[in-house]
All heavy atoms as atom14 arrays in JSON, in Angstrom:
{
  "sequence": "HGHPQMTVSDLLGNPLPADLINARSLEEIRVAWRPWLDQPVKIVDE",
  "atom14_mask": [
    [1, 1, 1, 1, 1, 1, 1, 1, 1, 1, 0, 0, 0, 0],
    [1, 1, 1, 1, 0, 0, 0, 0, 0, 0, 0, 0, 0, 0],
    [1, 1, 1, 1, 1, 1, 1, 1, 1, 1, 0, 0, 0, 0],
    [1, 1, 1, 1, 1, 1, 1, 0, 0, 0, 0, 0, 0, 0],
    [1, 1, 1, 1, 1, 1, 1, 1, 1, 0, 0, 0, 0, 0],
    [1, 1, 1, 1, 1, 1, 1, 1, 0, 0, 0, 0, 0, 0],
    [1, 1, 1, 1, 1, 1, 1, 0, 0, 0, 0, 0, 0, 0],
    [1, 1, 1, 1, 1, 1, 1, 0, 0, 0, 0, 0, 0, 0],
    [1, 1, 1, 1, 1, 1, 0, 0, 0, 0, 0, 0, 0, 0],
    [1, 1, 1, 1, 1, 1, 1, 1, 0, 0, 0, 0, 0, 0],
    [1, 1, 1, 1, 1, 1, 1, 1, 0, 0, 0, 0, 0, 0],
    [1, 1, 1, 1, 1, 1, 1, 1, 0, 0, 0, 0, 0, 0],
    [1, 1, 1, 1, 0, 0, 0, 0, 0, 0, 0, 0, 0, 0],
    [1, 1, 1, 1, 1, 1, 1, 1, 0, 0, 0, 0, 0, 0],
    [1, 1, 1, 1, 1, 1, 1, 0, 0, 0, 0, 0, 0, 0],
    [1, 1, 1, 1, 1, 1, 1, 1, 0, 0, 0, 0, 0, 0],
    [1, 1, 1, 1, 1, 1, 1, 0, 0, 0, 0, 0, 0, 0],
    [1, 1, 1, 1, 1, 0, 0, 0, 0, 0, 0, 0, 0, 0],
    [1, 1, 1, 1, 1, 1, 1, 1, 0, 0, 0, 0, 0, 0],
    [1, 1, 1, 1, 1, 1, 1, 1, 0, 0, 0, 0, 0, 0],
    [1, 1, 1, 1, 1, 1, 1, 1, 0, 0, 0, 0, 0, 0],
    [1, 1, 1, 1, 1, 1, 1, 1, 0, 0, 0, 0, 0, 0],
    [1, 1, 1, 1, 1, 0, 0, 0, 0, 0, 0, 0, 0, 0],
    [1, 1, 1, 1, 1, 1, 1, 1, 1, 1, 1, 0, 0, 0],
    [1, 1, 1, 1, 1, 1, 0, 0, 0, 0, 0, 0, 0, 0],
    [1, 1, 1, 1, 1, 1, 1, 1, 0, 0, 0, 0, 0, 0],
    [1, 1, 1, 1, 1, 1, 1, 1, 1, 0, 0, 0, 0, 0],
    [1, 1, 1, 1, 1, 1, 1, 1, 1, 0, 0, 0, 0, 0],
    [1, 1, 1, 1, 1, 1, 1, 1, 0, 0, 0, 0, 0, 0],
    [1, 1, 1, 1, 1, 1, 1, 1, 1, 1, 1, 0, 0, 0],
    [1, 1, 1, 1, 1, 1, 1, 0, 0, 0, 0, 0, 0, 0],
    [1, 1, 1, 1, 1, 0, 0, 0, 0, 0, 0, 0, 0, 0],
    [1, 1, 1, 1, 1, 1, 1, 1, 1, 1, 1, 1, 1, 1],
    [1, 1, 1, 1, 1, 1, 1, 1, 1, 1, 1, 0, 0, 0],
    [1, 1, 1, 1, 1, 1, 1, 0, 0, 0, 0, 0, 0, 0],
    [1, 1, 1, 1, 1, 1, 1, 1, 1, 1, 1, 1, 1, 1],
    [1, 1, 1, 1, 1, 1, 1, 1, 0, 0, 0, 0, 0, 0],
    [1, 1, 1, 1, 1, 1, 1, 1, 0, 0, 0, 0, 0, 0],
    [1, 1, 1, 1, 1, 1, 1, 1, 1, 0, 0, 0, 0, 0],
    [1, 1, 1, 1, 1, 1, 1, 0, 0, 0, 0, 0, 0, 0],
    [1, 1, 1, 1, 1, 1, 1, 0, 0, 0, 0, 0, 0, 0],
    [1, 1, 1, 1, 1, 1, 1, 1, 1, 0, 0, 0, 0, 0],
    [1, 1, 1, 1, 1, 1, 1, 1, 0, 0, 0, 0, 0, 0],
    [1, 1, 1, 1, 1, 1, 1, 0, 0, 0, 0, 0, 0, 0],
    [1, 1, 1, 1, 1, 1, 1, 1, 0, 0, 0, 0, 0, 0],
    [1, 1, 1, 1, 1, 1, 1, 1, 1, 0, 0, 0, 0, 0]
  ],
  "atom14_positions": [
    [[95.84, 107.4, 94.63], [96.36, 108.38, 93.86], [97.55, 107.8, 92.97], [98.59, 107.49, 93.51], [96.86, 109.59, 94.68], [95.85, 110.19, 95.49], [94.93, 111.1, 94.95], [95.44, 110.04, 96.8], [94.04, 111.5, 95.82], [94.32, 110.84, 96.93], [0.0, 0.0, 0.0], [0.0, 0.0, 0.0], [0.0, 0.0, 0.0], [0.0, 0.0, 0.0]],
    [[97.32, 107.86, 91.7], [98.35, 107.34, 90.82], [99.57, 108.23, 90.74], [99.47, 109.46, 90.67], [0.0, 0.0, 0.0], [0.0, 0.0, 0.0], [0.0, 0.0, 0.0], [0.0, 0.0, 0.0], [0.0, 0.0, 0.0], [0.0, 0.0, 0.0], [0.0, 0.0, 0.0], [0.0, 0.0, 0.0], [0.0, 0.0, 0.0], [0.0, 0.0, 0.0]],
    [[100.76, 107.65, 90.78], [102.07, 108.39, 90.67], [103.09, 107.39, 90.11], [102.95, 106.28, 90.2], [102.42, 108.97, 91.99], [102.67, 107.94, 93.11], [103.83, 107.32, 93.25], [101.83, 107.6, 94.15], [103.7, 106.38, 94.32], [102.55, 106.61, 94.84], [0.0, 0.0, 0.0], [0.0, 0.0, 0.0], [0.0, 0.0, 0.0], [0.0, 0.0, 0.0]],
    [[104.19, 108.02, 89.55], [105.22, 107.2, 88.84], [105.86, 106.17, 89.71], [106.42, 105.25, 89.14], [106.1, 108.27, 88.24], [105.36, 109.45, 88.15], [104.36, 109.4, 89.34], [0.0, 0.0, 0.0], [0.0, 0.0, 0.0], [0.0, 0.0, 0.0], [0.0, 0.0, 0.0], [0.0, 0.0, 0.0], [0.0, 0.0, 0.0], [0.0, 0.0, 0.0]],
    [[105.9, 106.39, 91.0], [106.66, 105.43, 91.93], [105.72, 104.4, 92.52], [106.15, 103.68, 93.4], [107.39, 106.21, 92.96], [108.63, 107.04, 92.46], [108.21, 108.38, 91.79], [107.22, 108.98, 92.29], [108.87, 108.59, 90.69], [0.0, 0.0, 0.0], [0.0, 0.0, 0.0], [0.0, 0.0, 0.0], [0.0, 0.0, 0.0], [0.0, 0.0, 0.0]],
    [[104.46, 104.39, 92.16], [103.54, 103.43, 92.79], [103.81, 102.04, 92.49], [103.96, 101.6, 91.39], [102.12, 103.76, 92.31], [100.97, 103.14, 93.16], [99.36, 103.6, 92.48], [98.4, 103.26, 93.97], [0.0, 0.0, 0.0], [0.0, 0.0, 0.0], [0.0, 0.0, 0.0], [0.0, 0.0, 0.0], [0.0, 0.0, 0.0], [0.0, 0.0, 0.0]],
    [[104.07, 101.25, 93.62], [104.47, 99.83, 93.45], [103.14, 99.01, 93.73], [102.08, 99.43, 94.25], [105.48, 99.41, 94.54], [104.89, 99.56, 95.81], [106.59, 100.28, 94.39], [0.0, 0.0, 0.0], [0.0, 0.0, 0.0], [0.0, 0.0, 0.0], [0.0, 0.0, 0.0], [0.0, 0.0, 0.0], [0.0, 0.0, 0.0], [0.0, 0.0, 0.0]],
    [[103.29, 97.68, 93.45], [102.18, 96.76, 93.71], [101.82, 96.7, 95.15], [100.69, 96.66, 95.52], [102.54, 95.35, 93.15], [101.47, 94.39, 93.59], [102.74, 95.36, 91.66], [0.0, 0.0, 0.0], [0.0, 0.0, 0.0], [0.0, 0.0, 0.0], [0.0, 0.0, 0.0], [0.0, 0.0, 0.0], [0.0, 0.0, 0.0], [0.0, 0.0, 0.0]],
    [[102.85, 96.8, 96.05], [102.67, 96.83, 97.43], [101.96, 98.09, 97.89], [101.04, 98.08, 98.82], [103.94, 96.66, 98.2], [104.53, 95.4, 98.05], [0.0, 0.0, 0.0], [0.0, 0.0, 0.0], [0.0, 0.0, 0.0], [0.0, 0.0, 0.0], [0.0, 0.0, 0.0], [0.0, 0.0, 0.0], [0.0, 0.0, 0.0], [0.0, 0.0, 0.0]],
    [[102.24, 99.23, 97.32], [101.57, 100.45, 97.56], [100.1, 100.33, 97.26], [99.17, 100.87, 97.97], [102.11, 101.61, 96.83], [103.56, 101.98, 97.25], [103.85, 101.74, 98.34], [104.23, 102.55, 96.32], [0.0, 0.0, 0.0], [0.0, 0.0, 0.0], [0.0, 0.0, 0.0], [0.0, 0.0, 0.0], [0.0, 0.0, 0.0], [0.0, 0.0, 0.0]],
    [[99.79, 99.59, 96.23], [98.36, 99.41, 95.72], [97.59, 98.45, 96.5], [96.48, 98.6, 96.94], [98.41, 99.07, 94.24], [96.98, 98.94, 93.6], [96.39, 100.39, 93.46], [97.08, 98.26, 92.24], [0.0, 0.0, 0.0], [0.0, 0.0, 0.0], [0.0, 0.0, 0.0], [0.0, 0.0, 0.0], [0.0, 0.0, 0.0], [0.0, 0.0, 0.0]],
    [[98.14, 97.28, 96.81], [97.52, 96.15, 97.32], [97.78, 95.85, 98.83], [96.9, 95.49, 99.55], [97.76, 94.84, 96.53], [97.47, 94.95, 95.02], [97.81, 93.62, 94.35], [96.05, 95.34, 94.73], [0.0, 0.0, 0.0], [0.0, 0.0, 0.0], [0.0, 0.0, 0.0], [0.0, 0.0, 0.0], [0.0, 0.0, 0.0], [0.0, 0.0, 0.0]],
    [[99.07, 95.98, 99.18], [99.31, 95.54, 100.6], [100.76, 95.05, 100.72], [101.41, 94.67, 99.73], [0.0, 0.0, 0.0], [0.0, 0.0, 0.0], [0.0, 0.0, 0.0], [0.0, 0.0, 0.0], [0.0, 0.0, 0.0], [0.0, 0.0, 0.0], [0.0, 0.0, 0.0], [0.0, 0.0, 0.0], [0.0, 0.0, 0.0], [0.0, 0.0, 0.0]],
    [[101.24, 94.89, 101.96], [102.6, 94.46, 102.26], [102.58, 93.21, 103.16], [101.65, 93.08, 103.99], [103.32, 95.5, 103.0], [103.71, 96.71, 102.18], [104.47, 96.62, 101.25], [103.13, 97.83, 102.52], [0.0, 0.0, 0.0], [0.0, 0.0, 0.0], [0.0, 0.0, 0.0], [0.0, 0.0, 0.0], [0.0, 0.0, 0.0], [0.0, 0.0, 0.0]],
    [[103.53, 92.29, 102.93], [103.68, 91.15, 103.83], [104.09, 91.72, 105.25], [104.84, 92.69, 105.25], [104.78, 90.31, 103.18], [105.47, 91.21, 102.22], [104.49, 92.26, 101.72], [0.0, 0.0, 0.0], [0.0, 0.0, 0.0], [0.0, 0.0, 0.0], [0.0, 0.0, 0.0], [0.0, 0.0, 0.0], [0.0, 0.0, 0.0], [0.0, 0.0, 0.0]],
    [[103.63, 91.04, 106.3], [104.02, 91.52, 107.6], [105.44, 91.27, 107.84], [106.05, 90.19, 107.6], [103.14, 90.78, 108.62], [101.68, 90.99, 108.61], [100.91, 90.14, 109.55], [101.36, 92.52, 108.92], [0.0, 0.0, 0.0], [0.0, 0.0, 0.0], [0.0, 0.0, 0.0], [0.0, 0.0, 0.0], [0.0, 0.0, 0.0], [0.0, 0.0, 0.0]],
    [[106.14, 92.35, 108.34], [107.68, 92.22, 108.56], [108.0, 91.06, 109.41], [109.01, 90.38, 109.16], [107.99, 93.57, 109.11], [106.93, 94.54, 108.8], [105.69, 93.65, 108.63], [0.0, 0.0, 0.0], [0.0, 0.0, 0.0], [0.0, 0.0, 0.0], [0.0, 0.0, 0.0], [0.0, 0.0, 0.0], [0.0, 0.0, 0.0], [0.0, 0.0, 0.0]],
    [[107.29, 90.76, 110.51], [107.62, 89.7, 111.48], [107.6, 88.42, 110.75], [108.38, 87.53, 110.99], [106.73, 89.8, 112.65], [0.0, 0.0, 0.0], [0.0, 0.0, 0.0], [0.0, 0.0, 0.0], [0.0, 0.0, 0.0], [0.0, 0.0, 0.0], [0.0, 0.0, 0.0], [0.0, 0.0, 0.0], [0.0, 0.0, 0.0], [0.0, 0.0, 0.0]],
    [[106.51, 88.26, 109.89], [106.43, 86.97, 109.14], [107.52, 86.79, 108.11], [108.0, 85.71, 108.0], [105.04, 86.96, 108.43], [103.91, 86.81, 109.46], [104.09, 86.67, 110.64], [102.77, 86.79, 108.87], [0.0, 0.0, 0.0], [0.0, 0.0, 0.0], [0.0, 0.0, 0.0], [0.0, 0.0, 0.0], [0.0, 0.0, 0.0], [0.0, 0.0, 0.0]],
    [[108.0, 87.83, 107.57], [109.06, 87.73, 106.66], [110.38, 87.28, 107.3], [111.19, 86.53, 106.73], [109.38, 89.1, 105.96], [108.37, 89.63, 104.84], [108.76, 90.98, 104.4], [108.44, 88.58, 103.66], [0.0, 0.0, 0.0], [0.0, 0.0, 0.0], [0.0, 0.0, 0.0], [0.0, 0.0, 0.0], [0.0, 0.0, 0.0], [0.0, 0.0, 0.0]],
    [[110.54, 87.59, 108.57], [111.71, 87.15, 109.3], [111.64, 85.81, 109.8], [112.53, 84.95, 109.73], [112.0, 88.18, 110.48], [112.31, 89.56, 109.89], [113.16, 87.68, 111.35], [112.43, 90.65, 110.95], [0.0, 0.0, 0.0], [0.0, 0.0, 0.0], [0.0, 0.0, 0.0], [0.0, 0.0, 0.0], [0.0, 0.0, 0.0], [0.0, 0.0, 0.0]],
    [[110.39, 85.42, 110.35], [110.27, 84.23, 111.06], [109.66, 83.1, 110.27], [109.79, 81.94, 110.7], [109.39, 84.44, 112.33], [110.03, 85.54, 113.28], [111.31, 85.48, 113.52], [109.21, 86.38, 113.81], [0.0, 0.0, 0.0], [0.0, 0.0, 0.0], [0.0, 0.0, 0.0], [0.0, 0.0, 0.0], [0.0, 0.0, 0.0], [0.0, 0.0, 0.0]],
    [[109.0, 83.37, 109.19], [108.36, 82.33, 108.41], [109.27, 81.32, 107.82], [110.38, 81.76, 107.27], [107.46, 82.98, 107.42], [0.0, 0.0, 0.0], [0.0, 0.0, 0.0], [0.0, 0.0, 0.0], [0.0, 0.0, 0.0], [0.0, 0.0, 0.0], [0.0, 0.0, 0.0], [0.0, 0.0, 0.0], [0.0, 0.0, 0.0], [0.0, 0.0, 0.0]],
    [[108.97, 80.06, 107.82], [109.85, 79.02, 107.19], [109.28, 78.76, 105.78], [109.99, 77.96, 105.05], [109.75, 77.79, 108.09], [110.51, 77.95, 109.44], [110.14, 76.77, 110.33], [108.75, 76.69, 110.76], [108.27, 75.86, 111.58], [108.95, 74.92, 112.05], [106.93, 75.88, 111.88], [0.0, 0.0, 0.0], [0.0, 0.0, 0.0], [0.0, 0.0, 0.0]],
    [[108.14, 79.25, 105.33], [107.57, 78.97, 103.99], [106.73, 80.18, 103.63], [106.34, 80.95, 104.48], [106.81, 77.69, 103.94], [105.69, 77.81, 104.73], [0.0, 0.0, 0.0], [0.0, 0.0, 0.0], [0.0, 0.0, 0.0], [0.0, 0.0, 0.0], [0.0, 0.0, 0.0], [0.0, 0.0, 0.0], [0.0, 0.0, 0.0], [0.0, 0.0, 0.0]],
    [[106.46, 80.32, 102.38], [105.58, 81.35, 101.86], [104.25, 81.34, 102.49], [103.51, 82.34, 102.67], [105.51, 81.35, 100.37], [106.74, 81.96, 99.64], [106.48, 81.82, 98.09], [107.0, 83.44, 99.95], [0.0, 0.0, 0.0], [0.0, 0.0, 0.0], [0.0, 0.0, 0.0], [0.0, 0.0, 0.0], [0.0, 0.0, 0.0], [0.0, 0.0, 0.0]],
    [[103.7, 80.09, 102.77], [102.39, 79.85, 103.35], [102.22, 80.51, 104.67], [101.1, 80.88, 105.03], [102.03, 78.4, 103.37], [101.79, 77.67, 102.03], [103.13, 77.54, 101.25], [104.13, 77.52, 101.84], [102.96, 77.38, 99.96], [0.0, 0.0, 0.0], [0.0, 0.0, 0.0], [0.0, 0.0, 0.0], [0.0, 0.0, 0.0], [0.0, 0.0, 0.0]],
    [[103.33, 80.71, 105.38], [103.24, 81.24, 106.76], [103.3, 82.74, 106.78], [103.13, 83.38, 107.72], [104.38, 80.66, 107.63], [104.31, 79.23, 107.9], [105.47, 78.72, 108.74], [106.25, 79.53, 109.11], [105.48, 77.49, 109.0], [0.0, 0.0, 0.0], [0.0, 0.0, 0.0], [0.0, 0.0, 0.0], [0.0, 0.0, 0.0], [0.0, 0.0, 0.0]],
    [[103.45, 83.36, 105.56], [103.61, 84.87, 105.54], [102.15, 85.49, 105.29], [101.49, 85.12, 104.42], [104.49, 85.26, 104.36], [105.92, 84.72, 104.59], [104.56, 86.79, 104.21], [106.86, 85.05, 103.44], [0.0, 0.0, 0.0], [0.0, 0.0, 0.0], [0.0, 0.0, 0.0], [0.0, 0.0, 0.0], [0.0, 0.0, 0.0], [0.0, 0.0, 0.0]],
    [[101.78, 86.31, 106.27], [100.55, 86.99, 106.14], [100.72, 88.33, 105.48], [101.81, 88.9, 105.49], [99.88, 87.18, 107.53], [99.5, 85.99, 108.18], [99.16, 86.13, 109.62], [100.37, 86.64, 110.34], [100.34, 86.98, 111.58], [99.14, 87.07, 112.3], [101.42, 87.35, 112.22], [0.0, 0.0, 0.0], [0.0, 0.0, 0.0], [0.0, 0.0, 0.0]],
    [[99.64, 88.9, 104.83], [99.71, 90.07, 104.12], [98.77, 91.14, 104.76], [97.58, 90.79, 105.07], [99.36, 89.93, 102.61], [99.29, 91.29, 101.97], [100.29, 88.98, 101.96], [0.0, 0.0, 0.0], [0.0, 0.0, 0.0], [0.0, 0.0, 0.0], [0.0, 0.0, 0.0], [0.0, 0.0, 0.0], [0.0, 0.0, 0.0], [0.0, 0.0, 0.0]],
    [[99.23, 92.37, 105.01], [98.4, 93.43, 105.47], [97.83, 94.13, 104.27], [98.46, 94.96, 103.52], [99.26, 94.42, 106.34], [0.0, 0.0, 0.0], [0.0, 0.0, 0.0], [0.0, 0.0, 0.0], [0.0, 0.0, 0.0], [0.0, 0.0, 0.0], [0.0, 0.0, 0.0], [0.0, 0.0, 0.0], [0.0, 0.0, 0.0], [0.0, 0.0, 0.0]],
    [[96.5, 93.74, 103.96], [95.88, 94.27, 102.78], [95.43, 95.65, 102.9], [95.14, 96.09, 103.96], [94.65, 93.45, 102.33], [95.03, 91.95, 102.09], [94.88, 90.89, 102.95], [95.67, 91.46, 100.93], [95.31, 89.7, 102.38], [95.85, 90.07, 101.05], [96.05, 92.03, 99.72], [96.4, 89.24, 100.11], [96.63, 91.16, 98.74], [96.74, 89.79, 98.97]],
    [[95.42, 96.43, 101.89], [95.05, 97.87, 101.85], [93.48, 97.89, 102.06], [92.76, 97.2, 101.45], [95.38, 98.6, 100.55], [96.82, 98.6, 100.25], [97.68, 99.37, 101.23], [99.07, 99.39, 100.9], [100.06, 99.62, 101.71], [99.82, 99.76, 103.01], [101.33, 99.67, 101.24], [0.0, 0.0, 0.0], [0.0, 0.0, 0.0], [0.0, 0.0, 0.0]],
    [[93.03, 98.72, 103.04], [91.54, 98.83, 103.28], [90.67, 99.19, 102.13], [89.51, 98.77, 102.03], [91.5, 99.96, 104.35], [92.87, 100.04, 104.98], [93.81, 99.69, 103.9], [0.0, 0.0, 0.0], [0.0, 0.0, 0.0], [0.0, 0.0, 0.0], [0.0, 0.0, 0.0], [0.0, 0.0, 0.0], [0.0, 0.0, 0.0], [0.0, 0.0, 0.0]],
    [[91.24, 99.91, 101.07], [90.44, 100.33, 99.94], [89.9, 99.18, 99.18], [88.89, 99.2, 98.45], [91.18, 101.27, 99.07], [92.14, 100.6, 98.1], [93.44, 100.22, 98.39], [91.95, 100.2, 96.74], [94.03, 99.56, 97.36], [93.16, 99.61, 96.35], [90.86, 100.29, 95.84], [93.33, 99.09, 95.04], [91.01, 99.76, 94.6], [92.16, 99.19, 94.16]],
    [[90.57, 97.97, 99.26], [90.12, 96.84, 98.51], [88.7, 96.37, 98.91], [88.09, 95.66, 98.15], [91.17, 95.69, 98.67], [92.53, 95.92, 98.12], [93.58, 94.85, 98.55], [92.48, 96.04, 96.56], [0.0, 0.0, 0.0], [0.0, 0.0, 0.0], [0.0, 0.0, 0.0], [0.0, 0.0, 0.0], [0.0, 0.0, 0.0], [0.0, 0.0, 0.0]],
    [[88.29, 96.64, 100.07], [86.98, 96.27, 100.62], [85.87, 97.28, 100.48], [84.89, 97.13, 101.01], [87.13, 95.72, 102.03], [87.99, 94.58, 102.2], [87.96, 93.61, 101.35], [88.79, 94.51, 103.1], [0.0, 0.0, 0.0], [0.0, 0.0, 0.0], [0.0, 0.0, 0.0], [0.0, 0.0, 0.0], [0.0, 0.0, 0.0], [0.0, 0.0, 0.0]],
    [[86.21, 98.39, 99.86], [85.24, 99.49, 99.77], [84.14, 99.18, 98.66], [84.54, 98.6, 97.62], [85.94, 100.83, 99.41], [86.92, 101.34, 100.55], [86.19, 101.63, 101.78], [85.23, 102.31, 101.82], [86.69, 101.05, 102.87], [0.0, 0.0, 0.0], [0.0, 0.0, 0.0], [0.0, 0.0, 0.0], [0.0, 0.0, 0.0], [0.0, 0.0, 0.0]],
    [[82.95, 99.61, 98.92], [81.87, 99.38, 97.85], [82.06, 100.28, 96.64], [81.48, 100.02, 95.61], [80.55, 99.68, 98.61], [81.0, 100.64, 99.73], [82.4, 100.23, 100.13], [0.0, 0.0, 0.0], [0.0, 0.0, 0.0], [0.0, 0.0, 0.0], [0.0, 0.0, 0.0], [0.0, 0.0, 0.0], [0.0, 0.0, 0.0], [0.0, 0.0, 0.0]],
    [[82.69, 101.39, 96.87], [83.07, 102.4, 95.69], [84.61, 102.53, 95.79], [85.15, 102.9, 96.71], [82.35, 103.71, 95.88], [82.83, 104.67, 94.81], [80.82, 103.48, 95.83], [0.0, 0.0, 0.0], [0.0, 0.0, 0.0], [0.0, 0.0, 0.0], [0.0, 0.0, 0.0], [0.0, 0.0, 0.0], [0.0, 0.0, 0.0], [0.0, 0.0, 0.0]],
    [[85.23, 102.18, 94.63], [86.67, 102.22, 94.51], [87.03, 103.43, 93.52], [86.57, 103.44, 92.42], [87.29, 100.94, 94.07], [87.06, 99.76, 95.07], [87.59, 98.47, 94.51], [87.64, 97.39, 95.58], [86.26, 96.95, 95.95], [0.0, 0.0, 0.0], [0.0, 0.0, 0.0], [0.0, 0.0, 0.0], [0.0, 0.0, 0.0], [0.0, 0.0, 0.0]],
    [[87.98, 104.26, 94.08], [88.37, 105.42, 93.3], [89.9, 105.38, 93.01], [90.71, 105.26, 93.92], [87.96, 106.71, 93.97], [86.53, 106.73, 94.37], [88.42, 107.93, 93.21], [86.07, 107.83, 95.3], [0.0, 0.0, 0.0], [0.0, 0.0, 0.0], [0.0, 0.0, 0.0], [0.0, 0.0, 0.0], [0.0, 0.0, 0.0], [0.0, 0.0, 0.0]],
    [[90.26, 105.51, 91.69], [91.7, 105.55, 91.39], [91.9, 106.83, 90.6], [91.41, 106.99, 89.46], [92.11, 104.33, 90.51], [93.57, 104.4, 90.2], [91.72, 103.03, 91.22], [0.0, 0.0, 0.0], [0.0, 0.0, 0.0], [0.0, 0.0, 0.0], [0.0, 0.0, 0.0], [0.0, 0.0, 0.0], [0.0, 0.0, 0.0], [0.0, 0.0, 0.0]],
    [[92.64, 107.8, 91.26], [92.78, 109.08, 90.71], [94.04, 109.11, 89.83], [95.13, 108.53, 90.19], [93.03, 110.08, 91.86], [92.77, 111.54, 91.41], [92.03, 111.78, 90.53], [93.35, 112.37, 92.05], [0.0, 0.0, 0.0], [0.0, 0.0, 0.0], [0.0, 0.0, 0.0], [0.0, 0.0, 0.0], [0.0, 0.0, 0.0], [0.0, 0.0, 0.0]],
    [[93.94, 109.67, 88.6], [95.02, 109.71, 87.64], [95.62, 108.32, 87.35], [96.84, 108.13, 87.64], [96.08, 110.73, 88.18], [95.5, 112.18, 88.13], [96.64, 113.21, 88.38], [97.41, 113.44, 87.42], [96.79, 113.68, 89.51], [0.0, 0.0, 0.0], [0.0, 0.0, 0.0], [0.0, 0.0, 0.0], [0.0, 0.0, 0.0], [0.0, 0.0, 0.0]]
  ]
}
């Protein structure tokens, strides 16, 4: 659902908080991707 405060993280996913704290490099940070990215039909409202 499109809205004026929608961020890239809201749309795609967030880095895992534990990895942000403990990772020594960007390569060690994992991302929790949004489930909609794997859907066979993608809907973006407004």
